[in-house]
C-alpha atoms as a PDB file:
ATOM      1  CA  UNK A   1      -0.018   0.015  -0.013  1.00  0.00           C
ATOM      2  CA  UNK A   2       2.911   2.331   0.675  1.00  0.00           C
ATOM      3  CA  UNK A   3       4.163   1.847  -2.778  1.00  0.00           C
ATOM      4  CA  UNK A   4       0.886   2.891  -4.520  1.00  0.00           C
ATOM      5  CA  UNK A   5       0.665   5.676  -2.041  1.00  0.00           C
ATOM      6  CA  UNK A   6       4.110   6.868  -3.011  1.00  0.00           C
ATOM      7  CA  UNK A   7       3.426   6.761  -6.780  1.00  0.00           C
ATOM      8  CA  UNK A   8       0.257   8.743  -6.421  1.00  0.00           C
ATOM      9  CA  UNK A   9       1.963  11.200  -3.978  1.00  0.00           C
ATOM     10  CA  UNK A  10       4.918  11.752  -6.231  1.00  0.00           C
ATOM     11  CA  UNK A  11       2.754  12.408  -9.278  1.00  0.00           C
ATOM     12  CA  UNK A  12       0.371  14.688  -7.517  1.00  0.00           C
ATOM     13  CA  UNK A  13       2.956  16.598  -5.215  1.00  0.00           C
ATOM     14  CA  UNK A  14       6.491  15.726  -6.440  1.00  0.00           C
ATOM     15  CA  UNK A  15       8.275  17.651  -3.581  1.00  0.00           C
ATOM     16  CA  UNK A  16       6.288  15.791  -0.750  1.00  0.00           C
ATOM     17  CA  UNK A  17       6.259  12.531  -2.803  1.00  0.00           C
ATOM     18  CA  UNK A  18      10.153  12.515  -3.063  1.00  0.00           C
ATOM     19  CA  UNK A  19      10.437  13.236   0.667  1.00  0.00           C
ATOM     20  CA  UNK A  20       8.045  10.306   1.449  1.00  0.00           C
ATOM     21  CA  UNK A  21       9.891   7.906  -0.817  1.00  0.00           C
ATOM     22  CA  UNK A  22      13.256   8.823   0.855  1.00  0.00           C
ATOM     23  CA  UNK A  23      11.639   8.124   4.344  1.00  0.00           C
ATOM     24  CA  UNK A  24       9.807   5.006   3.316  1.00  0.00           C
ATOM     25  CA  UNK A  25      12.912   3.060   2.197  1.00  0.00           C
ATOM     26  CA  UNK A  26      11.030   0.676  -0.044  1.00  0.00           C
ATOM     27  CA  UNK A  27      13.707  -1.555  -1.839  1.00  0.00           C
ATOM     28  CA  UNK A  28      14.193  -0.952  -5.494  1.00  0.00           C
ATOM     29  CA  UNK A  29      13.431  -4.695  -6.173  1.00  0.00           C
ATOM     30  CA  UNK A  30      10.019  -4.248  -4.737  1.00  0.00           C
ATOM     31  CA  UNK A  31       9.307  -1.153  -6.777  1.00  0.00           C
ATOM     32  CA  UNK A  32      10.444  -3.132  -9.881  1.00  0.00           C
ATOM     33  CA  UNK A  33       8.391  -6.276  -9.090  1.00  0.00           C
ATOM     34  CA  UNK A  34       5.220  -4.588  -7.610  1.00  0.00           C
ATOM     35  CA  UNK A  35       4.895  -1.619  -9.735  1.00  0.00           C
ATOM     36  CA  UNK A  36       7.028  -1.251 -12.697  1.00  0.00           C
ATOM     37  CA  UNK A  37       6.910  -4.580 -14.214  1.00  0.00           C
ATOM     38  CA  UNK A  38       3.202  -5.054 -13.835  1.00  0.00           C
ATOM     39  CA  UNK A  39       2.718  -1.678 -15.409  1.00  0.00           C
ATOM     40  CA  UNK A  40       4.789  -2.763 -18.407  1.00  0.00           C
ATOM     41  CA  UNK A  41       2.639  -5.873 -18.682  1.00  0.00           C
ATOM     42  CA  UNK A  42      -0.369  -3.637 -18.567  1.00  0.00           C
ATOM     43  CA  UNK A  43       1.111  -1.379 -21.210  1.00  0.00           C
ATOM     44  CA  UNK A  44       1.672  -4.292 -23.476  1.00  0.00           C
ATOM     45  CA  UNK A  45      -1.830  -5.520 -22.977  1.00  0.00           C
ATOM     46  CA  UNK A  46      -3.333  -2.068 -23.618  1.00  0.00           C
ATOM     47  CA  UNK A  47      -1.448  -1.916 -26.906  1.00  0.00           C
ATOM     48  CA  UNK A  48      -4.177  -4.363 -28.220  1.00  0.00           C
ATOM     49  CA  UNK A  49      -7.131  -1.849 -27.475  1.00  0.00           C
ATOM     50  CA  UNK A  50      -6.793  -0.008 -30.593  1.00  0.00           C
ATOM     51  CA  UNK A  51      -7.721  -3.100 -32.285  1.00  0.00           C
ATOM     52  CA  UNK A  52     -11.137  -2.894 -30.967  1.00  0.00           C
ATOM     53  CA  UNK A  53     -11.992   0.437 -32.698  1.00  0.00           C
ATOM     54  CA  UNK A  54      -9.668   0.404 -35.622  1.00  0.00           C
ATOM     55  CA  UNK A  55     -10.355  -2.465 -37.979  1.00  0.00           C
ATOM     56  CA  UNK A  56      -7.281  -1.636 -40.178  1.00  0.00           C
ATOM     57  CA  UNK A  57      -4.847  -2.917 -37.446  1.00  0.00           C
ATOM     58  CA  UNK A  58      -3.934  -6.501 -37.666  1.00  0.00           C
ATOM     59  CA  UNK A  59      -3.144  -8.779 -34.850  1.00  0.00           C
ATOM     60  CA  UNK A  60       0.410  -9.074 -35.807  1.00  0.00           C
ATOM     61  CA  UNK A  61       0.678  -5.283 -35.965  1.00  0.00           C
ATOM     62  CA  UNK A  62      -0.735  -4.993 -32.486  1.00  0.00           C
ATOM     63  CA  UNK A  63       1.516  -7.696 -31.130  1.00  0.00           C
ATOM     64  CA  UNK A  64       4.620  -5.964 -32.641  1.00  0.00           C
ATOM     65  CA  UNK A  65       3.408  -2.639 -31.055  1.00  0.00           C
ATOM     66  CA  UNK A  66       2.965  -4.414 -27.724  1.00  0.00           C
ATOM     67  CA  UNK A  67       6.481  -5.970 -27.785  1.00  0.00           C
ATOM     68  CA  UNK A  68       7.972  -2.706 -28.992  1.00  0.00           C
ATOM     69  CA  UNK A  69       6.447  -0.635 -26.091  1.00  0.00           C
ATOM     70  CA  UNK A  70       7.322  -3.258 -23.412  1.00  0.00           C
ATOM     71  CA  UNK A  71      10.954  -3.373 -24.603  1.00  0.00           C
ATOM     72  CA  UNK A  72      11.259   0.528 -24.916  1.00  0.00           C
ATOM     73  CA  UNK A  73      10.474   1.173 -21.380  1.00  0.00           C
ATOM     74  CA  UNK A  74      11.986  -2.008 -20.065  1.00  0.00           C
ATOM     75  CA  UNK A  75      15.418  -1.153 -21.491  1.00  0.00           C
ATOM     76  CA  UNK A  76      14.954   2.562 -20.786  1.00  0.00           C
ATOM     77  CA  UNK A  77      15.314   1.858 -17.190  1.00  0.00           C
ATOM     78  CA  UNK A  78      18.535  -0.089 -17.398  1.00  0.00           C
ATOM     79  CA  UNK A  79      20.032   2.338 -20.040  1.00  0.00           C
ATOM     80  CA  UNK A  80      19.186   5.285 -17.910  1.00  0.00           C
ATOM     81  CA  UNK A  81      20.583   3.805 -14.692  1.00  0.00           C
ATOM     82  CA  UNK A  82      23.722   2.940 -16.388  1.00  0.00           C
ATOM     83  CA  UNK A  83      24.295   6.296 -18.193  1.00  0.00           C
ATOM     84  CA  UNK A  84      23.289   8.443 -15.254  1.00  0.00           C
ATOM     85  CA  UNK A  85      25.569   6.487 -13.047  1.00  0.00           C
ATOM     86  CA  UNK A  86      28.392   6.983 -15.561  1.00  0.00           C
ATOM     87  CA  UNK A  87      27.718  10.714 -16.143  1.00  0.00           C
ATOM     88  CA  UNK A  88      27.535  11.249 -12.459  1.00  0.00           C
ATOM     89  CA  UNK A  89      29.811   8.742 -10.737  1.00  0.00           C
ATOM     90  CA  UNK A  90      29.520  10.679  -7.408  1.00  0.00           C
ATOM     91  CA  UNK A  91      25.923   9.648  -7.216  1.00  0.00           C
ATOM     92  CA  UNK A  92      26.748   5.917  -6.993  1.00  0.00           C
ATOM     93  CA  UNK A  93      29.898   6.066  -4.814  1.00  0.00           C
ATOM     94  CA  UNK A  94      28.028   6.032  -1.364  1.00  0.00           C
ATOM     95  CA  UNK A  95      26.140   3.131   0.096  1.00  0.00           C
ATOM     96  CA  UNK A  96      22.480   3.337  -1.120  1.00  0.00           C
ATOM     97  CA  UNK A  97      23.149   5.932  -3.612  1.00  0.00           C
ATOM     98  CA  UNK A  98      22.561   3.699  -6.606  1.00  0.00           C
ATOM     99  CA  UNK A  99      19.325   2.506  -5.093  1.00  0.00           C
ATOM    100  CA  UNK A 100      18.238   6.153  -4.687  1.00  0.00           C
ATOM    101  CA  UNK A 101      19.185   6.809  -8.276  1.00  0.00           C
ATOM    102  CA  UNK A 102      17.321   3.731  -9.512  1.00  0.00           C
ATOM    103  CA  UNK A 103      14.224   4.806  -7.479  1.00  0.00           C
ATOM    104  CA  UNK A 104      14.402   8.219  -9.068  1.00  0.00           C
ATOM    105  CA  UNK A 105      14.459   6.669 -12.523  1.00  0.00           C
ATOM    106  CA  UNK A 106      11.707   4.257 -11.723  1.00  0.00           C
ATOM    107  CA  UNK A 107       9.253   6.705 -10.281  1.00  0.00           C
ATOM    108  CA  UNK A 108       9.711   8.946 -13.194  1.00  0.00           C
ATOM    109  CA  UNK A 109       9.405   6.065 -15.704  1.00  0.00           C
ATOM    110  CA  UNK A 110       6.045   4.942 -13.861  1.00  0.00           C
ATOM    111  CA  UNK A 111       4.476   8.302 -14.824  1.00  0.00           C
ATOM    112  CA  UNK A 112       5.533   7.947 -18.369  1.00  0.00           C
ATOM    113  CA  UNK A 113       4.262   4.342 -18.563  1.00  0.00           C
ATOM    114  CA  UNK A 114       0.989   5.390 -17.055  1.00  0.00           C
ATOM    115  CA  UNK A 115       0.467   8.029 -19.562  1.00  0.00           C
ATOM    116  CA  UNK A 116       1.339   5.856 -22.308  1.00  0.00           C
ATOM    117  CA  UNK A 117      -1.210   3.310 -21.115  1.00  0.00           C
ATOM    118  CA  UNK A 118      -3.994   6.022 -21.080  1.00  0.00           C
ATOM    119  CA  UNK A 119      -2.757   7.084 -24.549  1.00  0.00           C
ATOM    120  CA  UNK A 120      -3.251   3.475 -25.682  1.00  0.00           C
ATOM    121  CA  UNK A 121      -6.718   2.999 -24.421  1.00  0.00           C
ATOM    122  CA  UNK A 122      -8.208   6.375 -25.758  1.00  0.00           C
ATOM    123  CA  UNK A 123      -9.326   6.240 -29.367  1.00  0.00           C
ATOM    124  CA  UNK A 124      -7.348   8.125 -31.960  1.00  0.00           C
ATOM    125  CA  UNK A 125      -4.179  10.163 -31.379  1.00  0.00           C
ATOM    126  CA  UNK A 126      -5.042  11.902 -28.247  1.00  0.00           C
ATOM    127  CA  UNK A 127      -2.024  14.223 -28.096  1.00  0.00           C
ATOM    128  CA  UNK A 128      -2.823  16.054 -24.634  1.00  0.00           C
ATOM    129  CA  UNK A 129      -1.888  12.658 -23.002  1.00  0.00           C
ATOM    130  CA  UNK A 130       1.428  12.788 -24.628  1.00  0.00           C
ATOM    131  CA  UNK A 131       1.969  16.420 -23.849  1.00  0.00           C
ATOM    132  CA  UNK A 132       1.421  15.569 -20.266  1.00  0.00           C
ATOM    133  CA  UNK A 133       4.771  13.650 -20.497  1.00  0.00           C
ATOM    134  CA  UNK A 134       6.409  17.037 -20.185  1.00  0.00           C
ATOM    135  CA  UNK A 135       5.366  16.983 -16.441  1.00  0.00           C
ATOM    136  CA  UNK A 136       7.948  14.436 -15.933  1.00  0.00           C
ATOM    137  CA  UNK A 137      10.804  16.857 -15.959  1.00  0.00           C
ATOM    138  CA  UNK A 138       9.085  18.920 -13.098  1.00  0.00           C
ATOM    139  CA  UNK A 139       8.853  15.695 -11.286  1.00  0.00           C
ATOM    140  CA  UNK A 140      12.557  15.029 -11.847  1.00  0.00           C
ATOM    141  CA  UNK A 141      13.382  18.518 -10.769  1.00  0.00           C
ATOM    142  CA  UNK A 142      11.697  18.189  -7.556  1.00  0.00           C
ATOM    143  CA  UNK A 143      13.370  14.819  -6.730  1.00  0.00           C
ATOM    144  CA  UNK A 144      16.910  15.936  -7.717  1.00  0.00           C
ATOM    145  CA  UNK A 145      17.647  17.454  -4.241  1.00  0.00           C
ATOM    146  CA  UNK A 146      17.099  13.897  -2.588  1.00  0.00           C
ATOM    147  CA  UNK A 147      19.920  12.590  -4.808  1.00  0.00           C
ATOM    148  CA  UNK A 148      22.575  14.714  -3.067  1.00  0.00           C
ATOM    149  CA  UNK A 149      23.476  16.596  -6.305  1.00  0.00           C
ATOM    150  CA  UNK A 150      25.129  20.148  -5.646  1.00  0.00           C
ATOM    151  CA  UNK A 151      22.775  22.902  -6.443  1.00  0.00           C
ATOM    152  CA  UNK A 152      24.902  24.124  -9.407  1.00  0.00           C
ATOM    153  CA  UNK A 153      24.770  20.765 -11.060  1.00  0.00           C
ATOM    154  CA  UNK A 154      21.194  19.998 -10.422  1.00  0.00           C
ATOM    155  CA  UNK A 155      19.720  21.860 -13.502  1.00  0.00           C
ATOM    156  CA  UNK A 156      22.166  20.081 -15.755  1.00  0.00           C
ATOM    157  CA  UNK A 157      21.304  16.589 -14.200  1.00  0.00           C
ATOM    158  CA  UNK A 158      17.589  17.326 -14.497  1.00  0.00           C
ATOM    159  CA  UNK A 159      18.070  18.145 -18.321  1.00  0.00           C
ATOM    160  CA  UNK A 160      20.107  15.065 -18.904  1.00  0.00           C
ATOM    161  CA  UNK A 161      17.775  12.727 -16.981  1.00  0.00           C
ATOM    162  CA  UNK A 162      14.647  14.138 -18.413  1.00  0.00           C
ATOM    163  CA  UNK A 163      16.143  13.786 -22.035  1.00  0.00           C
ATOM    164  CA  UNK A 164      17.234  10.217 -21.328  1.00  0.00           C
ATOM    165  CA  UNK A 165      13.921   9.199 -19.967  1.00  0.00           C
ATOM    166  CA  UNK A 166      11.741  10.974 -22.419  1.00  0.00           C
ATOM    167  CA  UNK A 167      13.705  10.297 -25.669  1.00  0.00           C
ATOM    168  CA  UNK A 168      15.142   6.723 -25.032  1.00  0.00           C
ATOM    169  CA  UNK A 169      11.733   4.847 -25.228  1.00  0.00           C
ATOM    170  CA  UNK A 170      10.902   6.664 -28.476  1.00  0.00           C
ATOM    171  CA  UNK A 171      14.387   6.032 -29.845  1.00  0.00           C
ATOM    172  CA  UNK A 172      14.109   2.357 -28.921  1.00  0.00           C
ATOM    173  CA  UNK A 173      10.444   2.246 -30.363  1.00  0.00           C
ATOM    174  CA  UNK A 174      11.800   3.782 -33.690  1.00  0.00           C
ATOM    175  CA  UNK A 175      14.798   1.436 -33.818  1.00  0.00           C
ATOM    176  CA  UNK A 176      12.648  -1.670 -33.203  1.00  0.00           C
ATOM    177  CA  UNK A 177      10.012  -0.580 -35.696  1.00  0.00           C
ATOM    178  CA  UNK A 178      12.631  -0.095 -38.351  1.00  0.00           C
ATOM    179  CA  UNK A 179      14.070  -3.679 -37.495  1.00  0.00           C
ATOM    180  CA  UNK A 180      10.743  -5.279 -37.444  1.00  0.00           C
ATOM    181  CA  UNK A 181       9.304  -3.960 -40.667  1.00  0.00           C
END
């Protein structure tokens, strides 16, 4: 229950949510297993919904879209964790710092996956939902203080983290789309 509360709280009020996440000390493995992976499965299942109202979509196209979306967000977590840890090695030197960074990435990705699920189940190309993805950098900005980054480096970190988290899934989707076709 704490995990769901933390997800809702970090989305509604990022500053308070990030403070609560740091105090709750929920292990990253639990966030992955109880929230992120089930949401990825739901994302893949929601990829089949457009087939209900668009008869031009074939089952194979829907299946490829489900696989592509799942893979895009799955690999984004690992790529972002690796690259942010590499760009900012001071973040992962102390005990528990890698876990805080992974939590930071996961909670931001959870918002993006939730928005993508909503986008999948709505008929047509409902762009305001995708526009809401720009809320994620604000969430990321509010959580950077909990990572222990110096004030002068925080803006640069937020820009890099936001670009990685927003652009990596789309780049993976595009790449997989080119390979599959």
